Amino acid sequence: MALVNQSVVTMFILQRFVDDPWIQDVLFCLFFALFMAAIAGNGLIIATIHRSPNLHTPMYFFLVNLSLMDVICTVTVLPKVLQSLVAENSISYGGCLTQMFVFSWVLGSELLLFSAMAYDRYLAICRPLHYGTLMSGRVCVALATFVWFTGALNSLVLTCLMLPLSFCGPNLITHFFCEIPSVLILSCSPTFINDIMTVITDMFLTGLNFLLTMTSYVFIIASILRIRSAEGKKRAFSTCSAHLVVVTLYYSTVLYTYVRPALGTAGFLDKLIAVLYTTVTPSLNPLIYTLRNKEFKTSFKKLLFPH
């Protein structure tokens, strides 16, 4: 295979969280519970929205896309994490590149999707009379297509830049999955271009999308403050508060991982931070977005108890 010929190392070992057997058992139960919560929670969101015509609106359309991304992220990362807690966790060179591509695709796409969701909330609150025209079904599909395609293109570029690199050993990745910074430090080839492109693309996706999202929320908050009634303010803020919580959690962890000065390190703190955006956030998203949403809860009850 071409991939094998480019590298002496054909198999990587993913580092365990801890070596203590008791803590490994506890972590296995925790991660398995988070895995099931992410799959079940996001699956129920998708099923509920699909089966409820009253939820066929732009906000819920984007929420379905977010749930799909969370499921893909969880399925890409967590099975290997669970394996590492019960046995030595090895991954092939090709499998590592595949995991790297899929995870980077979902990560970049989620950042873009957050901007689209913020723009949707901006139109709904600040331009309500023109909302139906500006956020039509065609516009929603176009935005979602742009989000998935741009995320895939970004990931493809970063992954293809890994192909010319040689890996001569050691083959121990000091992380629990194949993430670009943690794999780059194992290469025995110069990685200057990879390092620069990783920082540029992630600064572009993270920095620009964070700026766009925060700009939308500046206008949203200003518009909410102009509402005279307290009930009106509460209702308007409730439609975007969940999204703001998720954005804050997600961006803070991603910024730490990709824009930290010591690029390429993967200490225990880095693993804990990575757990937040690969495991915890996909598990919490269903709760954050639906816990205070009466419209969704009503549709969900109808799905469970149709009669």
C-alpha atoms as a PDB file:
ATOM      1  CA  MET A   1       0.000   0.000   0.000  1.00  0.00           C
ATOM      2  CA  ALA A   2       1.156   3.522  -0.760  1.00  0.00           C
ATOM      3  CA  LEU A   3       0.528   4.687   2.775  1.00  0.00           C
ATOM      4  CA  VAL A   4       2.728   1.955   4.227  1.00  0.00           C
ATOM      5  CA  ASN A   5       5.580   2.709   1.814  1.00  0.00           C
ATOM      6  CA  GLN A   6       5.668   6.307   2.995  1.00  0.00           C
ATOM      7  CA  SER A   7       6.209   5.346   6.623  1.00  0.00           C
ATOM      8  CA  VAL A   8       8.354   2.938   8.637  1.00  0.00           C
ATOM      9  CA  VAL A   9       5.734   2.982  11.374  1.00  0.00           C
ATOM     10  CA  THR A  10       2.580   1.214  10.199  1.00  0.00           C
ATOM     11  CA  MET A  11       0.857   0.982  13.578  1.00  0.00           C
ATOM     12  CA  PHE A  12       0.384   3.518  16.360  1.00  0.00           C
ATOM     13  CA  ILE A  13      -0.325   2.936  20.037  1.00  0.00           C
ATOM     14  CA  LEU A  14      -2.793   5.307  21.699  1.00  0.00           C
ATOM     15  CA  GLN A  15      -1.835   6.160  25.272  1.00  0.00           C
ATOM     16  CA  ARG A  16      -4.091   5.191  28.141  1.00  0.00           C
ATOM     17  CA  PHE A  17      -5.561   7.779  30.479  1.00  0.00           C
ATOM     18  CA  VAL A  18      -4.192   6.081  33.580  1.00  0.00           C
ATOM     19  CA  ASP A  19      -2.520   2.798  34.519  1.00  0.00           C
ATOM     20  CA  ASP A  20      -4.480   2.145  37.710  1.00  0.00           C
ATOM     21  CA  PRO A  21      -6.912  -0.756  36.980  1.00  0.00           C
ATOM     22  CA  TRP A  22      -9.586   0.537  39.398  1.00  0.00           C
ATOM     23  CA  ILE A  23      -9.591   4.033  37.855  1.00  0.00           C
ATOM     24  CA  GLN A  24      -9.665   2.426  34.398  1.00  0.00           C
ATOM     25  CA  ASP A  25     -12.856   0.558  35.339  1.00  0.00           C
ATOM     26  CA  VAL A  26     -14.452   3.765  36.631  1.00  0.00           C
ATOM     27  CA  LEU A  27     -13.474   5.664  33.477  1.00  0.00           C
ATOM     28  CA  PHE A  28     -14.777   2.853  31.281  1.00  0.00           C
ATOM     29  CA  CYS A  29     -18.205   3.048  32.954  1.00  0.00           C
ATOM     30  CA  LEU A  30     -18.188   6.848  32.723  1.00  0.00           C
ATOM     31  CA  PHE A  31     -17.218   6.973  29.055  1.00  0.00           C
ATOM     32  CA  PHE A  32     -19.613   4.175  28.151  1.00  0.00           C
ATOM     33  CA  ALA A  33     -22.441   6.098  29.846  1.00  0.00           C
ATOM     34  CA  LEU A  34     -21.469   9.274  27.962  1.00  0.00           C
ATOM     35  CA  PHE A  35     -21.274   7.302  24.711  1.00  0.00           C
ATOM     36  CA  MET A  36     -24.781   5.901  25.166  1.00  0.00           C
ATOM     37  CA  ALA A  37     -26.122   9.305  26.278  1.00  0.00           C
ATOM     38  CA  ALA A  38     -24.684  11.020  23.204  1.00  0.00           C
ATOM     39  CA  ILE A  39     -26.034   8.419  20.768  1.00  0.00           C
ATOM     40  CA  ALA A  40     -29.466   8.109  22.419  1.00  0.00           C
ATOM     41  CA  GLY A  41     -29.915  11.821  23.117  1.00  0.00           C
ATOM     42  CA  ASN A  42     -28.928  13.037  19.681  1.00  0.00           C
ATOM     43  CA  GLY A  43     -30.833  10.186  18.051  1.00  0.00           C
ATOM     44  CA  LEU A  44     -34.002  11.193  19.894  1.00  0.00           C
ATOM     45  CA  ILE A  45     -33.540  14.821  18.832  1.00  0.00           C
ATOM     46  CA  ILE A  46     -33.264  13.793  15.174  1.00  0.00           C
ATOM     47  CA  ALA A  47     -36.255  11.419  15.410  1.00  0.00           C
ATOM     48  CA  THR A  48     -38.444  13.933  17.258  1.00  0.00           C
ATOM     49  CA  ILE A  49     -37.745  16.760  14.816  1.00  0.00           C
ATOM     50  CA  HIS A  50     -38.199  14.460  11.817  1.00  0.00           C
ATOM     51  CA  ARG A  51     -41.586  13.206  13.061  1.00  0.00           C
ATOM     52  CA  SER A  52     -42.926  16.619  14.199  1.00  0.00           C
ATOM     53  CA  PRO A  53     -44.064  18.968  11.400  1.00  0.00           C
ATOM     54  CA  ASN A  54     -44.291  21.883  13.856  1.00  0.00           C
ATOM     55  CA  LEU A  55     -40.522  21.579  14.411  1.00  0.00           C
ATOM     56  CA  HIS A  56     -39.674  21.853  10.724  1.00  0.00           C
ATOM     57  CA  THR A  57     -38.177  25.315  11.161  1.00  0.00           C
ATOM     58  CA  PRO A  58     -34.658  26.666  10.476  1.00  0.00           C
ATOM     59  CA  MET A  59     -33.631  26.504  14.153  1.00  0.00           C
ATOM     60  CA  TYR A  60     -34.475  22.809  14.421  1.00  0.00           C
ATOM     61  CA  PHE A  61     -33.036  22.092  10.968  1.00  0.00           C
ATOM     62  CA  PHE A  62     -29.657  23.331  12.179  1.00  0.00           C
ATOM     63  CA  LEU A  63     -30.106  21.424  15.442  1.00  0.00           C
ATOM     64  CA  VAL A  64     -30.502  18.191  13.439  1.00  0.00           C
ATOM     65  CA  ASN A  65     -27.220  18.960  11.669  1.00  0.00           C
ATOM     66  CA  LEU A  66     -25.526  19.569  15.035  1.00  0.00           C
ATOM     67  CA  SER A  67     -26.873  16.283  16.374  1.00  0.00           C
ATOM     68  CA  LEU A  68     -25.559  14.413  13.320  1.00  0.00           C
ATOM     69  CA  MET A  69     -22.118  15.962  13.839  1.00  0.00           C
ATOM     70  CA  ASP A  70     -22.154  15.018  17.526  1.00  0.00           C
ATOM     71  CA  VAL A  71     -23.036  11.420  16.686  1.00  0.00           C
ATOM     72  CA  ILE A  72     -20.239  11.204  14.103  1.00  0.00           C
ATOM     73  CA  CYS A  73     -17.758  12.732  16.562  1.00  0.00           C
ATOM     74  CA  THR A  74     -18.760  10.300  19.305  1.00  0.00           C
ATOM     75  CA  VAL A  75     -18.613   7.223  17.055  1.00  0.00           C
ATOM     76  CA  THR A  76     -15.229   8.313  15.670  1.00  0.00           C
ATOM     77  CA  VAL A  77     -13.504   8.855  19.025  1.00  0.00           C
ATOM     78  CA  LEU A  78     -15.158   6.984  21.892  1.00  0.00           C
ATOM     79  CA  PRO A  79     -14.927   3.321  20.748  1.00  0.00           C
ATOM     80  CA  LYS A  80     -11.130   3.605  20.686  1.00  0.00           C
ATOM     81  CA  VAL A  81     -11.175   5.321  24.081  1.00  0.00           C
ATOM     82  CA  LEU A  82     -13.200   2.444  25.540  1.00  0.00           C
ATOM     83  CA  GLN A  83     -10.827  -0.074  23.953  1.00  0.00           C
ATOM     84  CA  SER A  84      -7.810   1.647  25.513  1.00  0.00           C
ATOM     85  CA  LEU A  85      -9.324   1.159  28.978  1.00  0.00           C
ATOM     86  CA  VAL A  86      -9.541  -2.636  28.675  1.00  0.00           C
ATOM     87  CA  ALA A  87      -6.622  -3.541  26.391  1.00  0.00           C
ATOM     88  CA  GLU A  88      -3.669  -2.103  24.514  1.00  0.00           C
ATOM     89  CA  ASN A  89      -5.152   0.305  21.999  1.00  0.00           C
ATOM     90  CA  SER A  90      -3.429   0.170  18.630  1.00  0.00           C
ATOM     91  CA  ILE A  91      -4.512   1.853  15.429  1.00  0.00           C
ATOM     92  CA  SER A  92      -3.167   1.418  11.909  1.00  0.00           C
ATOM     93  CA  TYR A  93      -1.531   4.255   9.988  1.00  0.00           C
ATOM     94  CA  GLY A  94      -4.487   4.397   7.606  1.00  0.00           C
ATOM     95  CA  GLY A  95      -6.970   4.145  10.484  1.00  0.00           C
ATOM     96  CA  CYS A  96      -5.213   7.006  12.250  1.00  0.00           C
ATOM     97  CA  LEU A  97      -5.446   9.215   9.139  1.00  0.00           C
ATOM     98  CA  THR A  98      -9.119   8.287   8.731  1.00  0.00           C
ATOM     99  CA  GLN A  99      -9.910   9.151  12.348  1.00  0.00           C
ATOM    100  CA  MET A 100      -7.951  12.393  11.966  1.00  0.00           C
ATOM    101  CA  PHE A 101      -9.870  13.340   8.805  1.00  0.00           C
ATOM    102  CA  VAL A 102     -13.343  12.555  10.159  1.00  0.00           C
ATOM    103  CA  PHE A 103     -12.740  14.262  13.495  1.00  0.00           C
ATOM    104  CA  SER A 104     -11.242  17.399  11.890  1.00  0.00           C
ATOM    105  CA  TRP A 105     -14.176  17.452   9.443  1.00  0.00           C
ATOM    106  CA  VAL A 106     -16.744  17.378  12.231  1.00  0.00           C
ATOM    107  CA  LEU A 107     -14.814  19.863  14.389  1.00  0.00           C
ATOM    108  CA  GLY A 108     -14.506  22.431  11.584  1.00  0.00           C
ATOM    109  CA  SER A 109     -18.105  21.897  10.492  1.00  0.00           C
ATOM    110  CA  GLU A 110     -19.432  22.461  14.022  1.00  0.00           C
ATOM    111  CA  LEU A 111     -17.590  25.777  14.283  1.00  0.00           C
ATOM    112  CA  LEU A 112     -19.150  26.901  11.000  1.00  0.00           C
ATOM    113  CA  LEU A 113     -22.556  25.593  12.061  1.00  0.00           C
ATOM    114  CA  PHE A 114     -22.445  27.666  15.250  1.00  0.00           C
ATOM    115  CA  SER A 115     -22.079  30.785  13.097  1.00  0.00           C
ATOM    116  CA  ALA A 116     -25.049  29.728  10.956  1.00  0.00           C
ATOM    117  CA  MET A 117     -27.140  29.075  14.077  1.00  0.00           C
ATOM    118  CA  ALA A 118     -26.172  32.466  15.526  1.00  0.00           C
ATOM    119  CA  TYR A 119     -27.134  34.129  12.232  1.00  0.00           C
ATOM    120  CA  ASP A 120     -30.494  32.342  12.347  1.00  0.00           C
ATOM    121  CA  ARG A 121     -31.151  33.615  15.891  1.00  0.00           C
ATOM    122  CA  TYR A 122     -30.065  37.119  14.831  1.00  0.00           C
ATOM    123  CA  LEU A 123     -32.621  37.165  12.010  1.00  0.00           C
ATOM    124  CA  ALA A 124     -35.355  35.687  14.207  1.00  0.00           C
ATOM    125  CA  ILE A 125     -34.912  38.281  16.956  1.00  0.00           C
ATOM    126  CA  CYS A 126     -33.592  41.355  15.145  1.00  0.00           C
ATOM    127  CA  ARG A 127     -35.359  40.975  11.763  1.00  0.00           C
ATOM    128  CA  PRO A 128     -38.565  39.065  12.598  1.00  0.00           C
ATOM    129  CA  LEU A 129     -40.646  40.587   9.774  1.00  0.00           C
ATOM    130  CA  HIS A 130     -38.151  39.424   7.126  1.00  0.00           C
ATOM    131  CA  TYR A 131     -37.172  36.172   8.836  1.00  0.00           C
ATOM    132  CA  GLY A 132     -39.263  33.889   6.614  1.00  0.00           C
ATOM    133  CA  THR A 133     -37.742  35.349   3.449  1.00  0.00           C
ATOM    134  CA  LEU A 134     -34.132  35.647   4.631  1.00  0.00           C
ATOM    135  CA  MET A 135     -34.084  32.177   6.212  1.00  0.00           C
ATOM    136  CA  SER A 136     -36.112  30.185   3.688  1.00  0.00           C
ATOM    137  CA  GLY A 137     -35.763  26.442   3.214  1.00  0.00           C
ATOM    138  CA  ARG A 138     -33.443  26.978   0.260  1.00  0.00           C
ATOM    139  CA  VAL A 139     -31.191  29.273   2.300  1.00  0.00           C
ATOM    140  CA  CYS A 140     -31.048  26.721   5.131  1.00  0.00           C
ATOM    141  CA  VAL A 141     -30.003  23.927   2.762  1.00  0.00           C
ATOM    142  CA  ALA A 142     -27.407  26.190   1.134  1.00  0.00           C
ATOM    143  CA  LEU A 143     -25.932  27.129   4.521  1.00  0.00           C
ATOM    144  CA  ALA A 144     -25.831  23.496   5.683  1.00  0.00           C
ATOM    145  CA  THR A 145     -24.168  22.405   2.432  1.00  0.00           C
ATOM    146  CA  PHE A 146     -21.559  25.154   2.802  1.00  0.00           C
ATOM    147  CA  VAL A 147     -20.898  24.113   6.409  1.00  0.00           C
ATOM    148  CA  TRP A 148     -20.356  20.410   5.621  1.00  0.00           C
ATOM    149  CA  PHE A 149     -18.373  21.058   2.413  1.00  0.00           C
ATOM    150  CA  THR A 150     -16.055  23.686   3.911  1.00  0.00           C
ATOM    151  CA  GLY A 151     -15.400  21.517   6.956  1.00  0.00           C
ATOM    152  CA  ALA A 152     -14.543  18.569   4.693  1.00  0.00           C
ATOM    153  CA  LEU A 153     -12.258  20.693   2.496  1.00  0.00           C
ATOM    154  CA  ASN A 154     -10.378  22.036   5.517  1.00  0.00           C
ATOM    155  CA  SER A 155      -9.942  18.530   6.922  1.00  0.00           C
ATOM    156  CA  LEU A 156      -8.864  17.126   3.548  1.00  0.00           C
ATOM    157  CA  VAL A 157      -6.114  19.739   3.208  1.00  0.00           C
ATOM    158  CA  LEU A 158      -4.754  19.102   6.708  1.00  0.00           C
ATOM    159  CA  THR A 159      -4.922  15.319   6.321  1.00  0.00           C
ATOM    160  CA  CYS A 160      -3.278  15.320   2.879  1.00  0.00           C
ATOM    161  CA  LEU A 161      -0.403  17.355   4.316  1.00  0.00           C
ATOM    162  CA  MET A 162       0.264  14.380   6.626  1.00  0.00           C
ATOM    163  CA  LEU A 163       0.807  11.953   3.723  1.00  0.00           C
ATOM    164  CA  PRO A 164       4.375  13.036   2.770  1.00  0.00           C
ATOM    165  CA  LEU A 165       5.571  12.772   6.386  1.00  0.00           C
ATOM    166  CA  SER A 166       7.660   9.843   7.593  1.00  0.00           C
ATOM    167  CA  PHE A 167       7.176   8.188  10.968  1.00  0.00           C
ATOM    168  CA  CYS A 168      10.310   6.342  12.057  1.00  0.00           C
ATOM    169  CA  GLY A 169       9.415   5.759  15.697  1.00  0.00           C
ATOM    170  CA  PRO A 170       8.458   5.974  18.481  1.00  0.00           C
ATOM    171  CA  ASN A 171       4.874   5.072  17.647  1.00  0.00           C
ATOM    172  CA  LEU A 172       3.207   5.982  20.971  1.00  0.00           C
ATOM    173  CA  ILE A 173       0.659   8.795  20.537  1.00  0.00           C
ATOM    174  CA  THR A 174       0.410  10.597  23.874  1.00  0.00           C
ATOM    175  CA  HIS A 175      -3.295  11.128  23.410  1.00  0.00           C
ATOM    176  CA  PHE A 176      -6.435   8.955  23.406  1.00  0.00           C
ATOM    177  CA  PHE A 177      -7.172   9.469  19.688  1.00  0.00           C
ATOM    178  CA  CYS A 178      -5.426  10.604  16.502  1.00  0.00           C
ATOM    179  CA  GLU A 179      -5.536  14.382  16.613  1.00  0.00           C
ATOM    180  CA  ILE A 180      -3.274  16.368  14.294  1.00  0.00           C
ATOM    181  CA  PRO A 181      -1.066  18.113  16.925  1.00  0.00           C
ATOM    182  CA  SER A 182      -0.383  14.895  18.858  1.00  0.00           C
ATOM    183  CA  VAL A 183       0.529  12.925  15.699  1.00  0.00           C
ATOM    184  CA  LEU A 184       2.749  15.626  14.203  1.00  0.00           C
ATOM    185  CA  ILE A 185       5.245  15.442  17.084  1.00  0.00           C
ATOM    186  CA  LEU A 186       5.978  11.782  16.174  1.00  0.00           C
ATOM    187  CA  SER A 187       7.103  12.582  12.623  1.00  0.00           C
ATOM    188  CA  CYS A 188      10.785  12.387  11.784  1.00  0.00           C
ATOM    189  CA  SER A 189      10.187  14.688   8.782  1.00  0.00           C
ATOM    190  CA  PRO A 190      10.084  18.501   8.985  1.00  0.00           C
ATOM    191  CA  THR A 191       6.579  19.560  10.014  1.00  0.00           C
ATOM    192  CA  PHE A 192       6.924  23.340   9.647  1.00  0.00           C
ATOM    193  CA  ILE A 193       4.349  23.567   6.834  1.00  0.00           C
ATOM    194  CA  ASN A 194       1.945  21.302   8.736  1.00  0.00           C
ATOM    195  CA  ASP A 195       2.317  23.376  11.905  1.00  0.00           C
ATOM    196  CA  ILE A 196       1.730  26.646  10.056  1.00  0.00           C
ATOM    197  CA  MET A 197      -1.262  25.330   8.094  1.00  0.00           C
ATOM    198  CA  THR A 198      -2.793  23.827  11.233  1.00  0.00           C
ATOM    199  CA  VAL A 199      -2.566  27.144  13.059  1.00  0.00           C
ATOM    200  CA  ILE A 200      -3.793  29.157  10.038  1.00  0.00           C
ATOM    201  CA  THR A 201      -6.801  26.965   9.268  1.00  0.00           C
ATOM    202  CA  ASP A 202      -7.821  26.617  12.893  1.00  0.00           C
ATOM    203  CA  MET A 203      -7.336  30.324  13.564  1.00  0.00           C
ATOM    204  CA  PHE A 204      -9.464  31.025  10.489  1.00  0.00           C
ATOM    205  CA  LEU A 205     -12.217  28.586  11.431  1.00  0.00           C
ATOM    206  CA  THR A 206     -12.104  29.230  15.165  1.00  0.00           C
ATOM    207  CA  GLY A 207     -11.237  32.918  15.237  1.00  0.00           C
ATOM    208  CA  LEU A 208     -13.418  34.091  12.351  1.00  0.00           C
ATOM    209  CA  ASN A 209     -16.426  32.022  13.360  1.00  0.00           C
ATOM    210  CA  PHE A 210     -16.089  33.104  16.974  1.00  0.00           C
ATOM    211  CA  LEU A 211     -16.040  36.735  15.817  1.00  0.00           C
ATOM    212  CA  LEU A 212     -19.112  36.222  13.602  1.00  0.00           C
ATOM    213  CA  THR A 213     -20.978  34.408  16.377  1.00  0.00           C
ATOM    214  CA  MET A 214     -20.183  37.045  18.999  1.00  0.00           C
ATOM    215  CA  THR A 215     -21.106  39.850  16.588  1.00  0.00           C
ATOM    216  CA  SER A 216     -24.506  38.231  16.053  1.00  0.00           C
ATOM    217  CA  TYR A 217     -25.020  38.007  19.799  1.00  0.00           C
ATOM    218  CA  VAL A 218     -24.071  41.640  20.349  1.00  0.00           C
ATOM    219  CA  PHE A 219     -26.947  42.614  18.034  1.00  0.00           C
ATOM    220  CA  ILE A 220     -29.229  39.984  19.619  1.00  0.00           C
ATOM    221  CA  ILE A 221     -28.598  41.175  23.181  1.00  0.00           C
ATOM    222  CA  ALA A 222     -28.990  44.825  22.138  1.00  0.00           C
ATOM    223  CA  SER A 223     -32.310  43.963  20.501  1.00  0.00           C
ATOM    224  CA  ILE A 224     -33.506  42.017  23.559  1.00  0.00           C
ATOM    225  CA  LEU A 225     -32.650  44.916  25.881  1.00  0.00           C
ATOM    226  CA  ARG A 226     -34.909  47.177  23.805  1.00  0.00           C
ATOM    227  CA  ILE A 227     -37.909  44.924  24.485  1.00  0.00           C
ATOM    228  CA  ARG A 228     -40.046  46.652  27.115  1.00  0.00           C
ATOM    229  CA  SER A 229     -41.800  43.734  28.770  1.00  0.00           C
ATOM    230  CA  ALA A 230     -39.885  41.410  31.085  1.00  0.00           C
ATOM    231  CA  GLU A 231     -41.769  38.419  29.678  1.00  0.00           C
ATOM    232  CA  GLY A 232     -40.788  39.404  26.132  1.00  0.00           C
ATOM    233  CA  LYS A 233     -37.134  39.671  27.139  1.00  0.00           C
ATOM    234  CA  LYS A 234     -37.252  36.283  28.859  1.00  0.00           C
ATOM    235  CA  ARG A 235     -38.899  34.607  25.872  1.00  0.00           C
ATOM    236  CA  ALA A 236     -36.438  36.143  23.388  1.00  0.00           C
ATOM    237  CA  PHE A 237     -33.394  35.226  25.459  1.00  0.00           C
ATOM    238  CA  SER A 238     -34.598  31.651  26.017  1.00  0.00           C
ATOM    239  CA  THR A 239     -34.464  31.021  22.252  1.00  0.00           C
ATOM    240  CA  CYS A 240     -30.719  31.687  22.099  1.00  0.00           C
ATOM    241  CA  SER A 241     -29.369  31.030  25.624  1.00  0.00           C
ATOM    242  CA  ALA A 242     -28.822  27.303  24.975  1.00  0.00           C
ATOM    243  CA  HIS A 243     -26.826  28.019  21.843  1.00  0.00           C
ATOM    244  CA  LEU A 244     -24.708  30.594  23.699  1.00  0.00           C
ATOM    245  CA  VAL A 245     -23.875  28.075  26.447  1.00  0.00           C
ATOM    246  CA  VAL A 246     -22.766  25.437  23.919  1.00  0.00           C
ATOM    247  CA  VAL A 247     -20.738  27.964  21.920  1.00  0.00           C
ATOM    248  CA  THR A 248     -18.922  29.208  25.032  1.00  0.00           C
ATOM    249  CA  LEU A 249     -18.006  25.688  26.172  1.00  0.00           C
ATOM    250  CA  TYR A 250     -16.982  24.516  22.715  1.00  0.00           C
ATOM    251  CA  TYR A 251     -14.896  27.519  21.690  1.00  0.00           C
ATOM    252  CA  SER A 252     -13.043  27.756  25.001  1.00  0.00           C
ATOM    253  CA  THR A 253     -11.842  24.141  24.738  1.00  0.00           C
ATOM    254  CA  VAL A 254     -11.025  24.258  21.019  1.00  0.00           C
ATOM    255  CA  LEU A 255      -9.122  27.534  21.383  1.00  0.00           C
ATOM    256  CA  TYR A 256      -7.057  26.012  24.156  1.00  0.00           C
ATOM    257  CA  THR A 257      -6.219  22.917  22.135  1.00  0.00           C
ATOM    258  CA  TYR A 258      -5.305  24.517  18.810  1.00  0.00           C
ATOM    259  CA  VAL A 259      -4.112  28.004  19.664  1.00  0.00           C
ATOM    260  CA  ARG A 260      -1.960  27.312  22.687  1.00  0.00           C
ATOM    261  CA  PRO A 261       1.713  28.371  22.470  1.00  0.00           C
ATOM    262  CA  ALA A 262       3.104  24.886  23.041  1.00  0.00           C
ATOM    263  CA  LEU A 263       1.654  23.434  19.857  1.00  0.00           C
ATOM    264  CA  GLY A 264       2.060  19.698  19.650  1.00  0.00           C
ATOM    265  CA  THR A 265       2.121  18.871  23.362  1.00  0.00           C
ATOM    266  CA  ALA A 266      -0.436  16.474  24.721  1.00  0.00           C
ATOM    267  CA  GLY A 267      -0.191  16.348  28.498  1.00  0.00           C
ATOM    268  CA  PHE A 268      -2.845  15.087  30.880  1.00  0.00           C
ATOM    269  CA  LEU A 269      -4.525  18.509  31.015  1.00  0.00           C
ATOM    270  CA  ASP A 270      -4.778  18.472  27.204  1.00  0.00           C
ATOM    271  CA  LYS A 271      -6.536  15.113  27.414  1.00  0.00           C
ATOM    272  CA  LEU A 272      -9.037  16.437  29.938  1.00  0.00           C
ATOM    273  CA  ILE A 273      -9.763  19.449  27.736  1.00  0.00           C
ATOM    274  CA  ALA A 274     -10.156  17.176  24.688  1.00  0.00           C
ATOM    275  CA  VAL A 275     -12.635  15.027  26.628  1.00  0.00           C
ATOM    276  CA  LEU A 276     -14.882  18.088  26.960  1.00  0.00           C
ATOM    277  CA  TYR A 277     -15.313  18.706  23.222  1.00  0.00           C
ATOM    278  CA  THR A 278     -15.149  15.079  22.054  1.00  0.00           C
ATOM    279  CA  THR A 279     -17.249  13.403  24.730  1.00  0.00           C
ATOM    280  CA  VAL A 280     -18.950  15.690  27.246  1.00  0.00           C
ATOM    281  CA  THR A 281     -20.293  18.336  24.848  1.00  0.00           C
ATOM    282  CA  PRO A 282     -21.942  15.835  22.428  1.00  0.00           C
ATOM    283  CA  SER A 283     -23.573  14.197  25.461  1.00  0.00           C
ATOM    284  CA  LEU A 284     -24.801  17.467  26.976  1.00  0.00           C
ATOM    285  CA  ASN A 285     -26.019  19.125  23.773  1.00  0.00           C
ATOM    286  CA  PRO A 286     -29.362  17.246  23.739  1.00  0.00           C
ATOM    287  CA  LEU A 287     -30.049  18.336  27.330  1.00  0.00           C
ATOM    288  CA  ILE A 288     -28.891  21.931  26.861  1.00  0.00           C
ATOM    289  CA  TYR A 289     -31.001  22.463  23.746  1.00  0.00           C
ATOM    290  CA  THR A 290     -34.162  20.701  24.874  1.00  0.00           C
ATOM    291  CA  LEU A 291     -34.360  20.960  28.671  1.00  0.00           C
ATOM    292  CA  ARG A 292     -36.072  24.388  28.685  1.00  0.00           C
ATOM    293  CA  ASN A 293     -37.713  24.109  25.284  1.00  0.00           C
ATOM    294  CA  LYS A 294     -41.454  23.578  25.830  1.00  0.00           C
ATOM    295  CA  GLU A 295     -42.153  23.192  22.110  1.00  0.00           C
ATOM    296  CA  PHE A 296     -39.646  20.367  21.774  1.00  0.00           C
ATOM    297  CA  LYS A 297     -40.739  18.648  25.001  1.00  0.00           C
ATOM    298  CA  THR A 298     -44.350  18.648  23.816  1.00  0.00           C
ATOM    299  CA  SER A 299     -43.368  17.073  20.486  1.00  0.00           C
ATOM    300  CA  PHE A 300     -41.150  14.565  22.264  1.00  0.00           C
ATOM    301  CA  LYS A 301     -44.015  13.435  24.521  1.00  0.00           C
ATOM    302  CA  LYS A 302     -46.231  12.995  21.440  1.00  0.00           C
ATOM    303  CA  LEU A 303     -43.511  10.853  19.870  1.00  0.00           C
ATOM    304  CA  LEU A 304     -43.307   8.614  22.957  1.00  0.00           C
ATOM    305  CA  PHE A 305     -47.055   8.594  23.665  1.00  0.00           C
ATOM    306  CA  PRO A 306     -48.794   9.082  20.298  1.00  0.00           C
ATOM    307  CA  HIS A 307     -52.280   8.447  21.715  1.00  0.00           C
END
